[in-house]
Amino acid sequence: MTPPADPALEAKLEELRRKSGLRLDSDAVFWHDGRPLEHARIVAALHEGIDRHPESGEYIVRVGREWAYLEVEDTPLVVRGLETHEGFRRLRLSDGTLEPLDGKTLSLGEGDLLYTRARGGTMPARFSRIAFQSLAHDLELDAAGRAFFRDDAGVRHELPRGRPTR
């Protein structure tokens, strides 16, 4: 049986989690207290641990049983590249996972940055320049300025304008 929580201890823990000093910039680089984190295993563990707070929906990072709030500059995930498996493209995400490319989830943000939804649609991801360039031949603009993407099955998807939220 779990002992009842001490409200003062819970409040202090919440304060420490909020003051973690962890930030993820728009290029998916982790920072702590104003300095970039460079240790490859720590960075990989942090990317893998990106999640949402179950009640508030705020971004957090989990490592084992511990977690802290995470300040996210743009999106919690970045599409680093694309890989083809059995004739279909998959997104290589900053957390190391591969996900199918779904043209229905693509959108164009400010400055024509390309975004998608990842992790079953629960998190936004921004395409890196390299990943964007690998899709460039499947993107088109019409005379009215609308953007379209042609997926692996040849289906043409109109891309809404705007960065996906949460």
N, C-alpha and C. Protein backbone atom coordinates (compact mmCIF):
# COMPACT_ATOMS: atom_id res chain seq x y z
N MET A 1 0.83 -1.17 0.00
CA MET A 1 0.00 0.00 0.00
C MET A 1 0.89 1.25 0.00
N THR A 2 0.55 2.22 -0.83
CA THR A 2 1.31 3.45 -0.93
C THR A 2 0.91 4.39 0.20
N PRO A 3 1.90 4.94 0.92
CA PRO A 3 1.56 5.87 2.00
C PRO A 3 0.97 7.16 1.41
N PRO A 4 0.14 7.85 2.19
CA PRO A 4 -0.44 9.11 1.69
C PRO A 4 0.66 10.13 1.39
N ALA A 5 0.45 10.93 0.37
CA ALA A 5 1.43 11.93 -0.03
C ALA A 5 1.46 13.08 0.96
N ASP A 6 2.65 13.57 1.22
CA ASP A 6 2.85 14.75 2.06
C ASP A 6 2.67 15.97 1.16
N PRO A 7 1.64 16.82 1.39
CA PRO A 7 1.38 17.97 0.51
C PRO A 7 2.57 18.92 0.38
N ALA A 8 3.31 19.13 1.45
CA ALA A 8 4.46 20.03 1.39
C ALA A 8 5.56 19.44 0.51
N LEU A 9 5.78 18.14 0.64
CA LEU A 9 6.78 17.46 -0.17
C LEU A 9 6.36 17.47 -1.64
N GLU A 10 5.09 17.21 -1.91
CA GLU A 10 4.58 17.22 -3.29
C GLU A 10 4.73 18.60 -3.91
N ALA A 11 4.46 19.66 -3.14
CA ALA A 11 4.59 21.03 -3.64
C ALA A 11 6.05 21.35 -3.98
N LYS A 12 6.97 20.91 -3.13
CA LYS A 12 8.40 21.15 -3.39
C LYS A 12 8.85 20.38 -4.63
N LEU A 13 8.41 19.15 -4.76
CA LEU A 13 8.76 18.34 -5.93
C LEU A 13 8.22 18.99 -7.21
N GLU A 14 6.99 19.49 -7.16
CA GLU A 14 6.41 20.19 -8.32
C GLU A 14 7.24 21.42 -8.67
N GLU A 15 7.67 22.17 -7.67
CA GLU A 15 8.50 23.35 -7.91
C GLU A 15 9.82 22.96 -8.58
N LEU A 16 10.46 21.92 -8.08
CA LEU A 16 11.73 21.46 -8.66
C LEU A 16 11.54 20.98 -10.10
N ARG A 17 10.45 20.28 -10.36
CA ARG A 17 10.17 19.81 -11.72
C ARG A 17 9.96 20.98 -12.67
N ARG A 18 9.31 22.03 -12.21
CA ARG A 18 9.06 23.22 -13.04
C ARG A 18 10.34 24.02 -13.29
N LYS A 19 11.27 23.96 -12.36
CA LYS A 19 12.53 24.70 -12.48
C LYS A 19 13.66 23.81 -12.97
N SER A 20 13.34 22.81 -13.77
CA SER A 20 14.35 21.86 -14.22
C SER A 20 15.44 22.50 -15.07
N GLY A 21 15.13 23.61 -15.73
CA GLY A 21 16.11 24.24 -16.61
C GLY A 21 16.26 23.54 -17.95
N LEU A 22 15.37 22.58 -18.23
CA LEU A 22 15.46 21.85 -19.50
C LEU A 22 14.67 22.56 -20.59
N ARG A 23 15.32 22.72 -21.74
CA ARG A 23 14.67 23.37 -22.88
C ARG A 23 15.06 22.60 -24.14
N LEU A 24 14.12 22.51 -25.05
CA LEU A 24 14.35 21.88 -26.35
C LEU A 24 14.16 22.95 -27.41
N ASP A 25 15.22 23.25 -28.16
CA ASP A 25 15.11 24.32 -29.15
C ASP A 25 14.49 23.81 -30.44
N SER A 26 14.32 24.70 -31.41
CA SER A 26 13.61 24.34 -32.64
C SER A 26 14.37 23.34 -33.50
N ASP A 27 15.65 23.15 -33.24
CA ASP A 27 16.44 22.14 -33.96
C ASP A 27 16.55 20.83 -33.18
N ALA A 28 15.75 20.69 -32.13
CA ALA A 28 15.72 19.49 -31.28
C ALA A 28 17.01 19.31 -30.49
N VAL A 29 17.65 20.42 -30.13
CA VAL A 29 18.83 20.39 -29.27
C VAL A 29 18.36 20.66 -27.84
N PHE A 30 18.75 19.79 -26.93
CA PHE A 30 18.43 19.97 -25.53
C PHE A 30 19.42 20.93 -24.88
N TRP A 31 18.87 21.82 -24.04
CA TRP A 31 19.66 22.77 -23.27
C TRP A 31 19.31 22.60 -21.80
N HIS A 32 20.32 22.82 -20.95
CA HIS A 32 20.09 22.82 -19.51
C HIS A 32 20.77 24.04 -18.93
N ASP A 33 19.96 24.88 -18.29
CA ASP A 33 20.47 26.12 -17.68
C ASP A 33 21.34 26.92 -18.65
N GLY A 34 20.86 27.04 -19.90
CA GLY A 34 21.53 27.88 -20.89
C GLY A 34 22.68 27.25 -21.64
N ARG A 35 22.96 25.99 -21.40
CA ARG A 35 24.06 25.30 -22.10
C ARG A 35 23.53 24.07 -22.84
N PRO A 36 24.01 23.85 -24.07
CA PRO A 36 23.55 22.67 -24.81
C PRO A 36 24.08 21.39 -24.17
N LEU A 37 23.23 20.38 -24.14
CA LEU A 37 23.67 19.07 -23.64
C LEU A 37 24.34 18.34 -24.80
N GLU A 38 25.47 17.73 -24.53
CA GLU A 38 26.24 17.12 -25.61
C GLU A 38 26.48 15.62 -25.43
N HIS A 39 26.27 15.09 -24.24
CA HIS A 39 26.52 13.67 -24.02
C HIS A 39 25.47 12.86 -24.78
N ALA A 40 25.91 12.06 -25.74
CA ALA A 40 25.01 11.38 -26.68
C ALA A 40 23.97 10.51 -25.98
N ARG A 41 24.36 9.76 -24.96
CA ARG A 41 23.40 8.87 -24.29
C ARG A 41 22.37 9.65 -23.49
N ILE A 42 22.81 10.73 -22.86
CA ILE A 42 21.86 11.56 -22.11
C ILE A 42 20.87 12.21 -23.06
N VAL A 43 21.37 12.76 -24.16
CA VAL A 43 20.50 13.39 -25.15
C VAL A 43 19.51 12.37 -25.71
N ALA A 44 19.98 11.17 -26.03
CA ALA A 44 19.09 10.13 -26.57
C ALA A 44 18.03 9.76 -25.54
N ALA A 45 18.42 9.61 -24.27
CA ALA A 45 17.45 9.26 -23.23
C ALA A 45 16.40 10.36 -23.08
N LEU A 46 16.81 11.62 -23.16
CA LEU A 46 15.86 12.71 -23.05
C LEU A 46 14.90 12.73 -24.24
N HIS A 47 15.41 12.53 -25.45
CA HIS A 47 14.53 12.48 -26.63
C HIS A 47 13.51 11.34 -26.49
N GLU A 48 13.98 10.19 -26.06
CA GLU A 48 13.08 9.04 -25.90
C GLU A 48 12.06 9.28 -24.80
N GLY A 49 12.40 10.12 -23.83
CA GLY A 49 11.52 10.33 -22.69
C GLY A 49 10.52 11.46 -22.85
N ILE A 50 10.49 12.11 -24.01
CA ILE A 50 9.52 13.21 -24.19
C ILE A 50 8.11 12.66 -24.14
N ASP A 51 7.28 13.33 -23.35
CA ASP A 51 5.91 12.86 -23.12
C ASP A 51 5.05 14.07 -22.80
N ARG A 52 3.82 13.80 -22.45
CA ARG A 52 2.88 14.83 -22.03
C ARG A 52 2.45 14.57 -20.59
N HIS A 53 2.27 15.63 -19.85
CA HIS A 53 1.73 15.49 -18.50
C HIS A 53 0.30 14.98 -18.65
N PRO A 54 -0.09 13.94 -17.93
CA PRO A 54 -1.41 13.34 -18.14
C PRO A 54 -2.59 14.26 -17.81
N GLU A 55 -2.37 15.25 -16.97
CA GLU A 55 -3.47 16.15 -16.59
C GLU A 55 -3.44 17.47 -17.36
N SER A 56 -2.28 18.12 -17.40
CA SER A 56 -2.19 19.45 -18.00
C SER A 56 -1.89 19.42 -19.49
N GLY A 57 -1.31 18.32 -19.98
CA GLY A 57 -0.92 18.25 -21.38
C GLY A 57 0.40 18.93 -21.68
N GLU A 58 1.04 19.51 -20.65
CA GLU A 58 2.33 20.16 -20.85
C GLU A 58 3.38 19.11 -21.21
N TYR A 59 4.43 19.57 -21.93
CA TYR A 59 5.51 18.65 -22.27
C TYR A 59 6.35 18.38 -21.05
N ILE A 60 6.72 17.12 -20.92
CA ILE A 60 7.61 16.68 -19.85
C ILE A 60 8.63 15.74 -20.46
N VAL A 61 9.65 15.43 -19.70
CA VAL A 61 10.61 14.42 -20.11
C VAL A 61 10.74 13.43 -18.95
N ARG A 62 10.65 12.16 -19.30
CA ARG A 62 10.75 11.09 -18.31
C ARG A 62 12.06 10.32 -18.50
N VAL A 63 12.69 10.05 -17.38
CA VAL A 63 13.87 9.17 -17.37
C VAL A 63 13.65 8.22 -16.21
N GLY A 64 13.37 7.00 -16.54
CA GLY A 64 13.02 6.03 -15.49
C GLY A 64 11.73 6.47 -14.82
N ARG A 65 11.73 6.48 -13.49
CA ARG A 65 10.54 6.89 -12.74
C ARG A 65 10.47 8.40 -12.54
N GLU A 66 11.56 9.09 -12.84
CA GLU A 66 11.63 10.54 -12.62
C GLU A 66 11.19 11.30 -13.86
N TRP A 67 10.70 12.50 -13.63
CA TRP A 67 10.30 13.34 -14.76
C TRP A 67 10.39 14.80 -14.36
N ALA A 68 10.45 15.67 -15.39
CA ALA A 68 10.48 17.12 -15.18
C ALA A 68 9.78 17.78 -16.35
N TYR A 69 9.35 19.02 -16.13
CA TYR A 69 8.73 19.79 -17.20
C TYR A 69 9.80 20.19 -18.21
N LEU A 70 9.37 20.31 -19.46
CA LEU A 70 10.27 20.61 -20.56
C LEU A 70 9.74 21.82 -21.33
N GLU A 71 10.55 22.84 -21.45
CA GLU A 71 10.19 24.00 -22.28
C GLU A 71 10.51 23.63 -23.73
N VAL A 72 9.52 23.72 -24.61
CA VAL A 72 9.70 23.35 -26.01
C VAL A 72 9.54 24.60 -26.87
N GLU A 73 10.59 24.92 -27.63
CA GLU A 73 10.60 26.13 -28.45
C GLU A 73 9.63 26.05 -29.63
N ASP A 74 9.59 24.92 -30.32
CA ASP A 74 8.70 24.78 -31.48
C ASP A 74 7.89 23.51 -31.36
N THR A 75 8.49 22.38 -31.65
CA THR A 75 7.80 21.10 -31.52
C THR A 75 8.67 20.15 -30.70
N PRO A 76 8.06 19.17 -30.03
CA PRO A 76 8.85 18.24 -29.22
C PRO A 76 9.63 17.23 -30.06
N LEU A 77 9.23 17.05 -31.31
CA LEU A 77 9.90 16.10 -32.19
C LEU A 77 10.29 16.80 -33.49
N VAL A 78 11.38 16.33 -34.08
CA VAL A 78 11.83 16.83 -35.38
C VAL A 78 12.00 15.63 -36.29
N VAL A 79 11.54 15.77 -37.53
CA VAL A 79 11.77 14.73 -38.54
C VAL A 79 13.18 14.97 -39.07
N ARG A 80 14.07 14.04 -38.76
CA ARG A 80 15.48 14.17 -39.15
C ARG A 80 15.72 13.69 -40.59
N GLY A 81 14.90 12.75 -41.05
CA GLY A 81 15.09 12.22 -42.39
C GLY A 81 13.98 11.26 -42.74
N LEU A 82 14.04 10.73 -43.94
CA LEU A 82 13.07 9.75 -44.40
C LEU A 82 13.79 8.49 -44.84
N GLU A 83 13.18 7.37 -44.60
CA GLU A 83 13.70 6.08 -45.03
C GLU A 83 12.59 5.35 -45.75
N THR A 84 12.95 4.56 -46.73
CA THR A 84 11.95 3.79 -47.47
C THR A 84 12.02 2.33 -47.05
N HIS A 85 10.87 1.78 -46.67
CA HIS A 85 10.75 0.37 -46.31
C HIS A 85 9.59 -0.21 -47.10
N GLU A 86 9.87 -1.24 -47.87
CA GLU A 86 8.85 -1.93 -48.66
C GLU A 86 8.04 -0.96 -49.52
N GLY A 87 8.74 0.02 -50.10
CA GLY A 87 8.11 0.96 -51.02
C GLY A 87 7.39 2.12 -50.38
N PHE A 88 7.40 2.22 -49.06
CA PHE A 88 6.72 3.32 -48.37
C PHE A 88 7.73 4.09 -47.52
N ARG A 89 7.58 5.40 -47.54
CA ARG A 89 8.48 6.25 -46.77
C ARG A 89 8.06 6.29 -45.31
N ARG A 90 9.09 6.34 -44.46
CA ARG A 90 8.88 6.46 -43.02
C ARG A 90 9.71 7.63 -42.52
N LEU A 91 9.17 8.27 -41.50
CA LEU A 91 9.85 9.39 -40.88
C LEU A 91 10.84 8.90 -39.84
N ARG A 92 12.06 9.39 -39.89
CA ARG A 92 13.05 9.13 -38.83
C ARG A 92 12.98 10.33 -37.90
N LEU A 93 12.45 10.10 -36.69
CA LEU A 93 12.23 11.18 -35.74
C LEU A 93 13.42 11.39 -34.81
N SER A 94 13.46 12.55 -34.19
CA SER A 94 14.55 12.91 -33.28
C SER A 94 14.64 12.00 -32.07
N ASP A 95 13.56 11.27 -31.76
CA ASP A 95 13.62 10.32 -30.64
C ASP A 95 14.13 8.95 -31.07
N GLY A 96 14.55 8.84 -32.35
CA GLY A 96 15.11 7.60 -32.86
C GLY A 96 14.11 6.64 -33.46
N THR A 97 12.84 6.95 -33.38
CA THR A 97 11.82 6.04 -33.90
C THR A 97 11.54 6.30 -35.38
N LEU A 98 10.93 5.29 -36.00
CA LEU A 98 10.46 5.38 -37.38
C LEU A 98 8.95 5.32 -37.36
N GLU A 99 8.31 6.21 -38.13
CA GLU A 99 6.85 6.20 -38.24
C GLU A 99 6.47 6.36 -39.70
N PRO A 100 5.33 5.80 -40.10
CA PRO A 100 4.89 5.98 -41.48
C PRO A 100 4.64 7.45 -41.80
N LEU A 101 4.94 7.83 -43.02
CA LEU A 101 4.63 9.18 -43.49
C LEU A 101 3.17 9.20 -43.90
N ASP A 102 2.38 10.05 -43.26
CA ASP A 102 0.95 10.16 -43.54
C ASP A 102 0.67 11.55 -44.08
N GLY A 103 0.38 11.62 -45.38
CA GLY A 103 0.14 12.90 -46.03
C GLY A 103 -1.01 13.69 -45.44
N LYS A 104 -1.95 13.01 -44.80
CA LYS A 104 -3.10 13.70 -44.20
C LYS A 104 -2.70 14.53 -42.98
N THR A 105 -1.53 14.28 -42.41
CA THR A 105 -1.12 14.99 -41.20
C THR A 105 -0.17 16.15 -41.49
N LEU A 106 0.20 16.35 -42.74
CA LEU A 106 1.15 17.41 -43.08
C LEU A 106 0.48 18.78 -43.09
N SER A 107 1.24 19.80 -42.69
CA SER A 107 0.78 21.18 -42.78
C SER A 107 1.99 22.08 -43.00
N LEU A 108 1.73 23.28 -43.52
CA LEU A 108 2.79 24.26 -43.74
C LEU A 108 2.65 25.38 -42.74
N GLY A 109 3.71 25.61 -41.99
CA GLY A 109 3.71 26.69 -41.02
C GLY A 109 4.32 27.95 -41.58
N GLU A 110 4.52 28.91 -40.70
CA GLU A 110 5.14 30.18 -41.07
C GLU A 110 6.50 29.93 -41.69
N GLY A 111 6.82 30.68 -42.72
CA GLY A 111 8.10 30.50 -43.40
C GLY A 111 8.15 29.21 -44.20
N ASP A 112 6.99 28.65 -44.49
CA ASP A 112 6.86 27.39 -45.23
C ASP A 112 7.61 26.23 -44.58
N LEU A 113 7.64 26.21 -43.24
CA LEU A 113 8.17 25.05 -42.53
C LEU A 113 7.13 23.94 -42.61
N LEU A 114 7.59 22.74 -42.80
CA LEU A 114 6.69 21.59 -42.94
C LEU A 114 6.55 20.88 -41.60
N TYR A 115 5.31 20.59 -41.23
CA TYR A 115 4.99 19.92 -39.97
C TYR A 115 4.17 18.67 -40.23
N THR A 116 4.15 17.80 -39.24
CA THR A 116 3.32 16.60 -39.27
C THR A 116 2.90 16.28 -37.84
N ARG A 117 2.11 15.24 -37.69
CA ARG A 117 1.73 14.72 -36.38
C ARG A 117 2.43 13.37 -36.23
N ALA A 118 2.93 13.09 -35.04
CA ALA A 118 3.65 11.84 -34.78
C ALA A 118 3.09 11.17 -33.54
N ARG A 119 3.64 10.00 -33.24
CA ARG A 119 3.21 9.22 -32.07
C ARG A 119 1.69 9.06 -32.04
N GLY A 120 1.17 8.56 -33.14
CA GLY A 120 -0.26 8.31 -33.22
C GLY A 120 -1.08 9.59 -33.24
N GLY A 121 -0.48 10.68 -33.70
CA GLY A 121 -1.18 11.95 -33.79
C GLY A 121 -1.15 12.77 -32.51
N THR A 122 -0.44 12.29 -31.49
CA THR A 122 -0.45 12.96 -30.20
C THR A 122 0.56 14.09 -30.07
N MET A 123 1.57 14.14 -30.96
CA MET A 123 2.60 15.16 -30.85
C MET A 123 2.95 15.74 -32.21
N PRO A 124 3.13 17.06 -32.25
CA PRO A 124 3.58 17.67 -33.50
C PRO A 124 5.07 17.44 -33.71
N ALA A 125 5.46 17.41 -34.98
CA ALA A 125 6.87 17.28 -35.34
C ALA A 125 7.14 18.21 -36.53
N ARG A 126 8.29 18.85 -36.51
CA ARG A 126 8.70 19.73 -37.60
C ARG A 126 9.76 19.03 -38.43
N PHE A 127 9.67 19.19 -39.75
CA PHE A 127 10.66 18.62 -40.65
C PHE A 127 11.94 19.44 -40.61
N SER A 128 13.08 18.77 -40.50
CA SER A 128 14.36 19.45 -40.65
C SER A 128 14.50 19.85 -42.11
N ARG A 129 15.46 20.71 -42.41
CA ARG A 129 15.66 21.11 -43.80
C ARG A 129 15.97 19.92 -44.69
N ILE A 130 16.80 19.01 -44.20
CA ILE A 130 17.17 17.83 -45.00
C ILE A 130 15.95 16.96 -45.28
N ALA A 131 15.13 16.73 -44.26
CA ALA A 131 13.93 15.91 -44.46
C ALA A 131 12.96 16.62 -45.41
N PHE A 132 12.82 17.93 -45.27
CA PHE A 132 11.95 18.70 -46.15
C PHE A 132 12.43 18.57 -47.59
N GLN A 133 13.73 18.69 -47.81
CA GLN A 133 14.28 18.62 -49.17
C GLN A 133 14.04 17.26 -49.80
N SER A 134 14.02 16.21 -48.99
CA SER A 134 13.79 14.88 -49.56
C SER A 134 12.35 14.68 -49.99
N LEU A 135 11.44 15.58 -49.56
CA LEU A 135 10.04 15.52 -50.00
C LEU A 135 9.73 16.55 -51.08
N ALA A 136 10.66 17.43 -51.37
CA ALA A 136 10.40 18.58 -52.24
C ALA A 136 9.80 18.17 -53.58
N HIS A 137 10.23 17.07 -54.16
CA HIS A 137 9.71 16.67 -55.47
C HIS A 137 8.25 16.20 -55.40
N ASP A 138 7.73 15.97 -54.20
CA ASP A 138 6.33 15.55 -54.03
C ASP A 138 5.44 16.70 -53.54
N LEU A 139 6.01 17.88 -53.43
CA LEU A 139 5.25 19.06 -53.01
C LEU A 139 5.03 19.97 -54.21
N GLU A 140 3.87 20.61 -54.25
CA GLU A 140 3.59 21.54 -55.34
C GLU A 140 2.70 22.66 -54.83
N LEU A 141 2.79 23.79 -55.51
CA LEU A 141 1.94 24.95 -55.24
C LEU A 141 1.09 25.20 -56.47
N ASP A 142 -0.19 25.52 -56.25
CA ASP A 142 -1.02 25.88 -57.40
C ASP A 142 -1.01 27.39 -57.57
N ALA A 143 -1.71 27.88 -58.59
CA ALA A 143 -1.72 29.31 -58.90
C ALA A 143 -2.30 30.14 -57.76
N ALA A 144 -3.16 29.55 -56.94
CA ALA A 144 -3.77 30.27 -55.82
C ALA A 144 -2.89 30.24 -54.57
N GLY A 145 -1.73 29.58 -54.65
CA GLY A 145 -0.82 29.52 -53.50
C GLY A 145 -1.10 28.39 -52.54
N ARG A 146 -2.02 27.48 -52.93
CA ARG A 146 -2.28 26.32 -52.07
C ARG A 146 -1.20 25.28 -52.29
N ALA A 147 -0.82 24.61 -51.19
CA ALA A 147 0.24 23.60 -51.25
C ALA A 147 -0.38 22.21 -51.22
N PHE A 148 0.27 21.28 -51.97
CA PHE A 148 -0.20 19.90 -52.05
C PHE A 148 0.98 18.95 -51.91
N PHE A 149 0.68 17.76 -51.42
CA PHE A 149 1.66 16.69 -51.29
C PHE A 149 1.09 15.44 -51.92
N ARG A 150 1.92 14.77 -52.73
CA ARG A 150 1.51 13.50 -53.34
C ARG A 150 2.21 12.38 -52.59
N ASP A 151 1.40 11.49 -51.97
CA ASP A 151 1.97 10.43 -51.13
C ASP A 151 2.41 9.23 -51.96
N ASP A 152 2.90 8.20 -51.28
CA ASP A 152 3.45 7.01 -51.96
C ASP A 152 2.41 6.26 -52.78
N ALA A 153 1.14 6.41 -52.43
CA ALA A 153 0.08 5.75 -53.19
C ALA A 153 -0.43 6.64 -54.33
N GLY A 154 0.16 7.83 -54.48
CA GLY A 154 -0.25 8.75 -55.53
C GLY A 154 -1.41 9.65 -55.14
N VAL A 155 -1.84 9.61 -53.89
CA VAL A 155 -2.95 10.44 -53.43
C VAL A 155 -2.43 11.85 -53.19
N ARG A 156 -3.16 12.83 -53.66
CA ARG A 156 -2.78 14.24 -53.53
C ARG A 156 -3.51 14.84 -52.32
N HIS A 157 -2.73 15.39 -51.38
CA HIS A 157 -3.28 15.96 -50.15
C HIS A 157 -3.02 17.46 -50.15
N GLU A 158 -4.07 18.25 -49.89
CA GLU A 158 -3.86 19.68 -49.71
C GLU A 158 -3.32 19.92 -48.31
N LEU A 159 -2.30 20.74 -48.20
CA LEU A 159 -1.68 21.00 -46.91
C LEU A 159 -2.29 22.25 -46.29
N PRO A 160 -2.91 22.11 -45.13
CA PRO A 160 -3.43 23.31 -44.46
C PRO A 160 -2.26 24.19 -44.03
N ARG A 161 -2.55 25.46 -43.87
CA ARG A 161 -1.53 26.41 -43.39
C ARG A 161 -1.63 26.48 -41.87
N GLY A 162 -0.47 26.57 -41.24
CA GLY A 162 -0.43 26.70 -39.79
C GLY A 162 0.32 25.56 -39.13
N ARG A 163 0.99 25.90 -38.07
CA ARG A 163 1.75 24.93 -37.29
C ARG A 163 0.78 24.17 -36.41
N PRO A 164 0.95 22.84 -36.33
CA PRO A 164 0.06 22.09 -35.43
C PRO A 164 0.30 22.50 -33.98
N THR A 165 -0.76 22.54 -33.23
CA THR A 165 -0.63 22.89 -31.83
C THR A 165 -0.62 21.61 -31.01
N ARG A 166 -0.06 21.72 -29.89
CA ARG A 166 0.03 20.62 -28.93
C ARG A 166 -0.15 19.33 -29.63
